[in-house]
């Protein structure tokens, strides 16, 4: 399940290995809980990285206003970085609050 397989294919594989149906269901429940925990941990990581990306243009603007010089091209790039950070925070929130939403590969 870590690599994004469907629960049905994992269940079929477990049963093909000679595991009885009741034991296979217990194993599947354990695998689902482990995957959800891993997806939530990935969500927390995405939120932390995204928050830092959002903070970059804000910090630059504050420092630039104190110094008195704002480089507009750099500010534009940092704003794009901040928007990418917003996207990562949204994805991280989805991972935390709906860990079974997608079946992305977690092996990376």
C-alpha atoms as a PDB file:
ATOM      1  CA  UNK A   1       0.000   0.000   0.000  1.00  0.00           C
ATOM      2  CA  UNK A   2       3.006   2.263   0.436  1.00  0.00           C
ATOM      3  CA  UNK A   3       3.464   2.386  -3.324  1.00  0.00           C
ATOM      4  CA  UNK A   4      -0.106   3.404  -4.019  1.00  0.00           C
ATOM      5  CA  UNK A   5      -1.682   0.046  -4.860  1.00  0.00           C
ATOM      6  CA  UNK A   6      -5.394  -0.341  -4.360  1.00  0.00           C
ATOM      7  CA  UNK A   7      -6.534  -2.098  -1.176  1.00  0.00           C
ATOM      8  CA  UNK A   8      -8.221  -4.762  -3.303  1.00  0.00           C
ATOM      9  CA  UNK A   9      -4.977  -5.732  -5.058  1.00  0.00           C
ATOM     10  CA  UNK A  10      -3.115  -5.825  -1.746  1.00  0.00           C
ATOM     11  CA  UNK A  11      -5.865  -7.992  -0.230  1.00  0.00           C
ATOM     12  CA  UNK A  12      -5.677 -10.361  -3.209  1.00  0.00           C
ATOM     13  CA  UNK A  13      -1.887 -10.583  -2.887  1.00  0.00           C
ATOM     14  CA  UNK A  14      -2.102 -11.313   0.852  1.00  0.00           C
ATOM     15  CA  UNK A  15      -4.627 -14.083   0.253  1.00  0.00           C
ATOM     16  CA  UNK A  16      -2.525 -15.552  -2.558  1.00  0.00           C
ATOM     17  CA  UNK A  17       0.291 -15.901  -0.030  1.00  0.00           C
ATOM     18  CA  UNK A  18      -1.867 -18.327   1.956  1.00  0.00           C
ATOM     19  CA  UNK A  19      -3.178 -15.952   4.637  1.00  0.00           C
ATOM     20  CA  UNK A  20      -6.753 -16.641   5.720  1.00  0.00           C
ATOM     21  CA  UNK A  21      -9.426 -14.006   5.059  1.00  0.00           C
ATOM     22  CA  UNK A  22      -9.851 -12.988   8.720  1.00  0.00           C
ATOM     23  CA  UNK A  23      -6.095 -12.561   9.198  1.00  0.00           C
ATOM     24  CA  UNK A  24      -5.844 -10.725   5.883  1.00  0.00           C
ATOM     25  CA  UNK A  25      -8.491  -8.222   7.031  1.00  0.00           C
ATOM     26  CA  UNK A  26      -6.529  -7.590  10.234  1.00  0.00           C
ATOM     27  CA  UNK A  27      -3.364  -7.077   8.200  1.00  0.00           C
ATOM     28  CA  UNK A  28      -5.174  -4.716   5.827  1.00  0.00           C
ATOM     29  CA  UNK A  29      -6.492  -2.654   8.734  1.00  0.00           C
ATOM     30  CA  UNK A  30      -2.978  -2.384  10.122  1.00  0.00           C
ATOM     31  CA  UNK A  31      -1.591  -1.410   6.707  1.00  0.00           C
ATOM     32  CA  UNK A  32      -4.280   1.254   6.232  1.00  0.00           C
ATOM     33  CA  UNK A  33      -3.504   2.785   9.635  1.00  0.00           C
ATOM     34  CA  UNK A  34       0.228   2.787   8.907  1.00  0.00           C
ATOM     35  CA  UNK A  35      -0.316   4.413   5.509  1.00  0.00           C
ATOM     36  CA  UNK A  36      -2.597   7.073   7.028  1.00  0.00           C
ATOM     37  CA  UNK A  37       0.076   7.879   9.630  1.00  0.00           C
ATOM     38  CA  UNK A  38       2.717   8.194   6.897  1.00  0.00           C
ATOM     39  CA  UNK A  39       0.460  10.424   4.775  1.00  0.00           C
ATOM     40  CA  UNK A  40      -0.217  12.666   7.785  1.00  0.00           C
ATOM     41  CA  UNK A  41       3.522  12.935   8.504  1.00  0.00           C
ATOM     42  CA  UNK A  42       4.075  13.937   4.866  1.00  0.00           C
ATOM     43  CA  UNK A  43       1.304  16.524   5.272  1.00  0.00           C
ATOM     44  CA  UNK A  44       3.033  18.051   8.285  1.00  0.00           C
ATOM     45  CA  UNK A  45       6.286  18.225   6.313  1.00  0.00           C
ATOM     46  CA  UNK A  46       4.495  19.950   3.408  1.00  0.00           C
ATOM     47  CA  UNK A  47       2.906  22.490   5.763  1.00  0.00           C
ATOM     48  CA  UNK A  48       6.262  23.334   7.349  1.00  0.00           C
ATOM     49  CA  UNK A  49       7.995  23.785   3.991  1.00  0.00           C
ATOM     50  CA  UNK A  50       5.043  25.718   2.571  1.00  0.00           C
ATOM     51  CA  UNK A  51       4.953  28.028   5.586  1.00  0.00           C
ATOM     52  CA  UNK A  52       8.625  28.856   5.122  1.00  0.00           C
ATOM     53  CA  UNK A  53       7.982  29.545   1.437  1.00  0.00           C
ATOM     54  CA  UNK A  54       5.098  31.855   2.349  1.00  0.00           C
ATOM     55  CA  UNK A  55       7.233  33.673   4.902  1.00  0.00           C
ATOM     56  CA  UNK A  56      10.054  34.400   2.423  1.00  0.00           C
ATOM     57  CA  UNK A  57       8.386  37.272   0.488  1.00  0.00           C
ATOM     58  CA  UNK A  58       6.964  38.733   3.706  1.00  0.00           C
ATOM     59  CA  UNK A  59      10.384  38.727   5.377  1.00  0.00           C
ATOM     60  CA  UNK A  60      12.012  40.206   2.277  1.00  0.00           C
ATOM     61  CA  UNK A  61       9.433  42.995   2.094  1.00  0.00           C
ATOM     62  CA  UNK A  62       9.916  43.900   5.752  1.00  0.00           C
ATOM     63  CA  UNK A  63      13.717  43.935   5.434  1.00  0.00           C
ATOM     64  CA  UNK A  64      13.537  45.899   2.173  1.00  0.00           C
ATOM     65  CA  UNK A  65      11.246  48.523   3.671  1.00  0.00           C
ATOM     66  CA  UNK A  66      13.593  48.931   6.659  1.00  0.00           C
ATOM     67  CA  UNK A  67      16.578  49.325   4.337  1.00  0.00           C
ATOM     68  CA  UNK A  68      14.620  51.478   1.901  1.00  0.00           C
ATOM     69  CA  UNK A  69      15.309  49.529  -1.293  1.00  0.00           C
ATOM     70  CA  UNK A  70      12.897  47.020  -2.839  1.00  0.00           C
ATOM     71  CA  UNK A  71      14.140  45.051  -5.831  1.00  0.00           C
ATOM     72  CA  UNK A  72      10.961  44.390  -7.784  1.00  0.00           C
ATOM     73  CA  UNK A  73      12.211  41.419  -9.816  1.00  0.00           C
ATOM     74  CA  UNK A  74      13.359  39.648  -6.674  1.00  0.00           C
ATOM     75  CA  UNK A  75      10.075  40.504  -4.989  1.00  0.00           C
ATOM     76  CA  UNK A  76       8.143  39.028  -7.940  1.00  0.00           C
ATOM     77  CA  UNK A  77      10.128  35.786  -7.749  1.00  0.00           C
ATOM     78  CA  UNK A  78       9.566  35.604  -3.998  1.00  0.00           C
ATOM     79  CA  UNK A  79       5.832  36.196  -4.460  1.00  0.00           C
ATOM     80  CA  UNK A  80       5.739  33.232  -6.864  1.00  0.00           C
ATOM     81  CA  UNK A  81       7.611  31.205  -4.245  1.00  0.00           C
ATOM     82  CA  UNK A  82       5.019  32.262  -1.671  1.00  0.00           C
ATOM     83  CA  UNK A  83       2.170  31.176  -3.958  1.00  0.00           C
ATOM     84  CA  UNK A  84       3.846  27.800  -4.400  1.00  0.00           C
ATOM     85  CA  UNK A  85       4.049  27.658  -0.600  1.00  0.00           C
ATOM     86  CA  UNK A  86       0.297  28.260  -0.360  1.00  0.00           C
ATOM     87  CA  UNK A  87      -0.205  25.310  -2.722  1.00  0.00           C
ATOM     88  CA  UNK A  88       2.019  23.114  -0.521  1.00  0.00           C
ATOM     89  CA  UNK A  89       0.144  24.144   2.639  1.00  0.00           C
ATOM     90  CA  UNK A  90      -3.184  23.286   0.991  1.00  0.00           C
ATOM     91  CA  UNK A  91      -1.820  19.896  -0.082  1.00  0.00           C
ATOM     92  CA  UNK A  92      -0.461  19.289   3.411  1.00  0.00           C
ATOM     93  CA  UNK A  93      -3.830  20.091   4.968  1.00  0.00           C
ATOM     94  CA  UNK A  94      -5.497  17.632   2.609  1.00  0.00           C
ATOM     95  CA  UNK A  95      -2.957  14.988   3.611  1.00  0.00           C
ATOM     96  CA  UNK A  96      -3.610  15.594   7.305  1.00  0.00           C
ATOM     97  CA  UNK A  97      -7.392  15.807   7.247  1.00  0.00           C
ATOM     98  CA  UNK A  98      -8.084  13.255   4.471  1.00  0.00           C
ATOM     99  CA  UNK A  99      -5.163  10.791   4.424  1.00  0.00           C
ATOM    100  CA  UNK A 100      -7.080   8.267   2.313  1.00  0.00           C
ATOM    101  CA  UNK A 101      -8.022  10.855  -0.347  1.00  0.00           C
ATOM    102  CA  UNK A 102      -5.396   9.856  -2.903  1.00  0.00           C
ATOM    103  CA  UNK A 103      -3.191   6.864  -3.504  1.00  0.00           C
ATOM    104  CA  UNK A 104       0.129   8.535  -4.138  1.00  0.00           C
ATOM    105  CA  UNK A 105       3.428   6.710  -3.801  1.00  0.00           C
ATOM    106  CA  UNK A 106       4.963   7.222  -0.346  1.00  0.00           C
ATOM    107  CA  UNK A 107       8.181   5.303  -0.996  1.00  0.00           C
ATOM    108  CA  UNK A 108      10.186   8.375  -2.017  1.00  0.00           C
END
